[in-house]
Protein backbone atom coordinates (compact mmCIF):
# COMPACT_ATOMS: atom_id res chain seq x y z
CA GLY A 1 5.22 77.83 22.02
CA SER A 2 6.62 78.55 25.21
CA THR A 3 9.48 81.26 26.03
CA LEU A 4 12.65 80.10 27.27
CA VAL A 5 15.55 82.24 28.81
CA VAL A 6 19.17 81.46 28.41
CA SER A 7 21.77 83.81 29.83
CA ILE A 8 25.51 82.75 28.33
CA PRO A 9 28.69 84.78 29.31
CA HIS A 10 30.26 86.64 26.12
CA TYR A 11 33.59 84.41 26.15
CA ASP A 12 31.22 81.30 25.75
CA VAL A 13 29.85 82.24 22.26
CA GLU A 14 32.29 80.65 20.14
CA CYS A 15 31.51 76.99 21.35
CA ASP A 16 30.20 74.93 18.71
CA LYS A 17 28.32 72.63 21.13
CA LEU A 18 26.50 75.73 22.61
CA ARG A 19 25.13 76.59 19.01
CA ARG A 20 23.93 73.12 18.47
CA ILE A 21 21.93 73.39 21.89
CA LEU A 22 20.72 76.75 20.97
CA PHE A 23 19.64 75.81 17.62
CA LEU A 24 17.51 72.79 19.19
CA LEU A 25 16.37 75.23 21.59
CA ALA A 26 15.05 77.75 19.23
CA THR A 27 13.64 75.14 16.94
CA TYR A 28 11.31 74.01 19.67
CA TYR A 29 10.82 76.91 21.91
CA ASN A 30 10.67 80.97 21.68
CA LEU A 31 14.15 81.25 22.75
CA LEU A 32 15.87 84.80 24.09
CA VAL A 33 19.51 84.73 24.43
CA ILE A 34 21.02 86.97 26.72
CA ILE A 35 24.98 87.78 26.33
CA ASN A 36 26.33 88.93 29.33
CA PHE A 37 29.34 91.41 28.77
CA PRO A 38 31.66 92.66 31.70
CA PRO A 39 30.82 96.54 32.61
CA ILE A 40 32.80 98.98 30.23
CA THR A 41 35.67 100.68 31.60
CA GLU A 42 37.94 103.31 30.58
CA GLU A 43 40.63 101.13 30.56
CA LYS A 44 38.90 98.80 28.39
CA GLU A 45 38.23 99.26 24.47
CA ASN A 46 35.24 98.72 23.41
CA ASN A 47 36.11 95.77 20.96
CA ASP A 48 35.17 93.33 23.85
CA ASN A 49 31.41 94.71 24.25
CA ASP A 50 30.77 94.54 20.28
CA ILE A 51 27.31 93.19 20.21
CA SER A 52 27.38 92.47 16.55
CA ALA A 53 30.81 91.05 16.56
CA VAL A 54 29.43 88.26 19.21
CA ILE A 55 26.50 87.69 17.62
CA GLU A 56 28.24 86.74 14.33
CA LYS A 57 30.81 84.76 16.56
CA LEU A 58 27.24 82.95 17.96
CA ARG A 59 26.01 82.33 14.64
CA GLY A 60 29.15 80.38 13.23
CA GLU A 61 31.06 82.79 10.90
CA ARG A 62 33.71 79.90 9.86
CA THR A 63 31.41 77.54 8.40
CA MET A 64 28.22 77.46 7.20
CA ASP A 65 25.78 79.41 9.74
CA LEU A 66 24.99 77.06 12.14
CA LEU A 67 22.69 79.17 14.17
CA PRO A 68 20.81 80.95 11.20
CA GLU A 69 18.57 84.11 11.44
CA ASN A 70 15.59 82.35 10.62
CA VAL A 71 16.24 80.07 13.35
CA LEU A 72 17.28 82.75 16.23
CA PRO A 73 16.46 86.17 14.96
CA SER A 74 18.69 88.97 15.99
CA HIS A 75 15.91 90.48 17.79
CA ARG A 76 16.09 87.70 20.15
CA ILE A 77 19.67 88.08 21.00
CA LEU A 78 20.25 90.78 23.87
CA ALA A 79 23.14 92.24 25.57
CA SER A 80 23.31 92.86 29.34
CA GLN A 81 26.04 93.69 31.90
CA SER A 82 24.32 93.21 35.24
CA VAL A 83 22.15 90.48 36.76
CA ILE A 84 19.63 93.71 37.47
CA GLY A 85 19.34 94.11 33.36
CA ARG A 86 18.89 90.05 32.83
CA ILE A 87 16.26 90.01 35.75
CA ALA A 88 14.21 93.00 33.94
CA VAL A 89 14.45 91.75 30.59
CA VAL A 90 12.88 88.36 32.34
CA ARG A 91 10.17 90.21 34.30
CA GLN A 92 9.13 92.67 31.05
CA LEU A 93 8.48 89.18 29.32
CA GLY A 94 5.06 88.01 28.95
CA LYS A 95 4.92 84.07 30.27
CA VAL A 96 8.41 82.96 30.61
CA GLU A 97 8.63 78.61 30.96
CA PHE A 98 12.14 78.59 32.32
CA VAL A 99 15.29 80.15 32.88
CA LEU A 100 18.63 79.23 32.31
CA ASP A 101 21.43 81.02 34.13
CA PHE A 102 25.05 80.89 35.36
CA ASP A 103 24.20 83.58 38.36
CA GLU A 104 23.10 82.29 41.73
CA GLU A 105 21.80 85.51 42.25
CA MET A 106 19.44 85.31 39.23
CA LYS A 107 17.86 82.37 40.83
CA GLN A 108 17.27 83.71 44.09
CA ALA A 109 15.61 86.64 42.66
CA LEU A 110 13.42 85.33 40.11
CA ASN A 111 12.01 82.61 42.67
CA ARG A 112 10.42 85.52 44.47
CA PHE A 113 8.17 86.04 41.93
CA GLY A 114 7.64 82.11 40.96
CA TYR A 115 10.07 81.74 38.06
CA ARG A 116 11.52 78.55 37.48
CA VAL A 117 15.58 79.10 37.09
CA CYS A 118 18.03 76.57 36.58
CA VAL A 119 21.49 77.73 37.59
CA TYR A 120 24.98 76.43 36.22
CA GLY A 121 28.42 77.62 36.30
CA LYS A 122 31.53 78.48 38.70
CA VAL A 123 30.78 79.31 42.41
CA LEU A 124 33.62 80.37 44.81
CA GLN A 125 33.46 79.22 48.04
CA ASP A 126 36.09 78.75 50.79
CA SER A 127 38.63 79.78 48.26
CA LYS A 128 37.94 76.68 46.33
CA LYS A 129 36.36 76.26 42.83
CA GLN A 130 32.94 74.00 42.91
CA HIS A 131 30.71 74.30 40.04
CA GLN A 132 26.84 73.66 40.58
CA LEU A 133 23.96 72.96 38.15
CA SER A 134 20.44 73.36 40.21
CA ALA A 135 16.97 72.83 38.51
CA SER A 136 15.62 73.14 42.30
CA SER A 137 16.94 74.12 45.69
CA THR A 138 17.66 70.10 46.26
CA THR A 139 19.76 69.57 42.61
CA THR A 140 23.24 69.83 42.81
CA ILE A 141 26.30 69.01 41.44
CA SER A 142 29.57 70.18 42.07
CA SER A 143 33.36 69.16 41.04
CA SER A 144 36.40 70.46 41.48
CA GLN A 145 37.31 71.34 37.96
CA SER A 146 36.14 74.39 36.06
CA THR A 147 33.38 73.39 33.56
CA SER A 148 31.04 75.58 31.23
CA LEU A 149 27.94 75.58 30.72
CA LEU A 150 28.05 72.30 28.61
CA GLY A 151 30.18 70.60 30.91
CA GLU A 152 33.02 70.50 29.10
CA SER A 153 36.47 71.47 31.10
CA LEU A 154 37.51 74.86 30.93
CA LEU A 155 41.38 75.88 31.15
CA SER A 156 42.10 77.70 34.17
């Protein structure tokens, strides 16, 4: 099947709707999930950047595994701390049908190489929060509310 790459911020991994979406995508596509972590600093503890703990949260530790190993194997869940790292992963893969990312910089960089990229998430512009979901350069949805990948309102 086709390869699909989805990048998500580390703080979105506990979302039940996200698990269901990833389950469906992993059922139909060769899905590769890239979890974006903040850069490690000396002041920060490593607890926020523990990939195994984040994978457990992504799979659904409370109830039955909503995203089991046989649907999305652990070797298809990667970690990255930068846009450059996510770009490198996508370019190293054979043929990627589609990339879903939360950073406009990712779209700009990968479009040069012919990748189809859909961007979602927050954009700060003129000190106002705007959100963008863009499958092409002409399709943009904006709102004054903060939304997650799933279109849910986020607390500010």
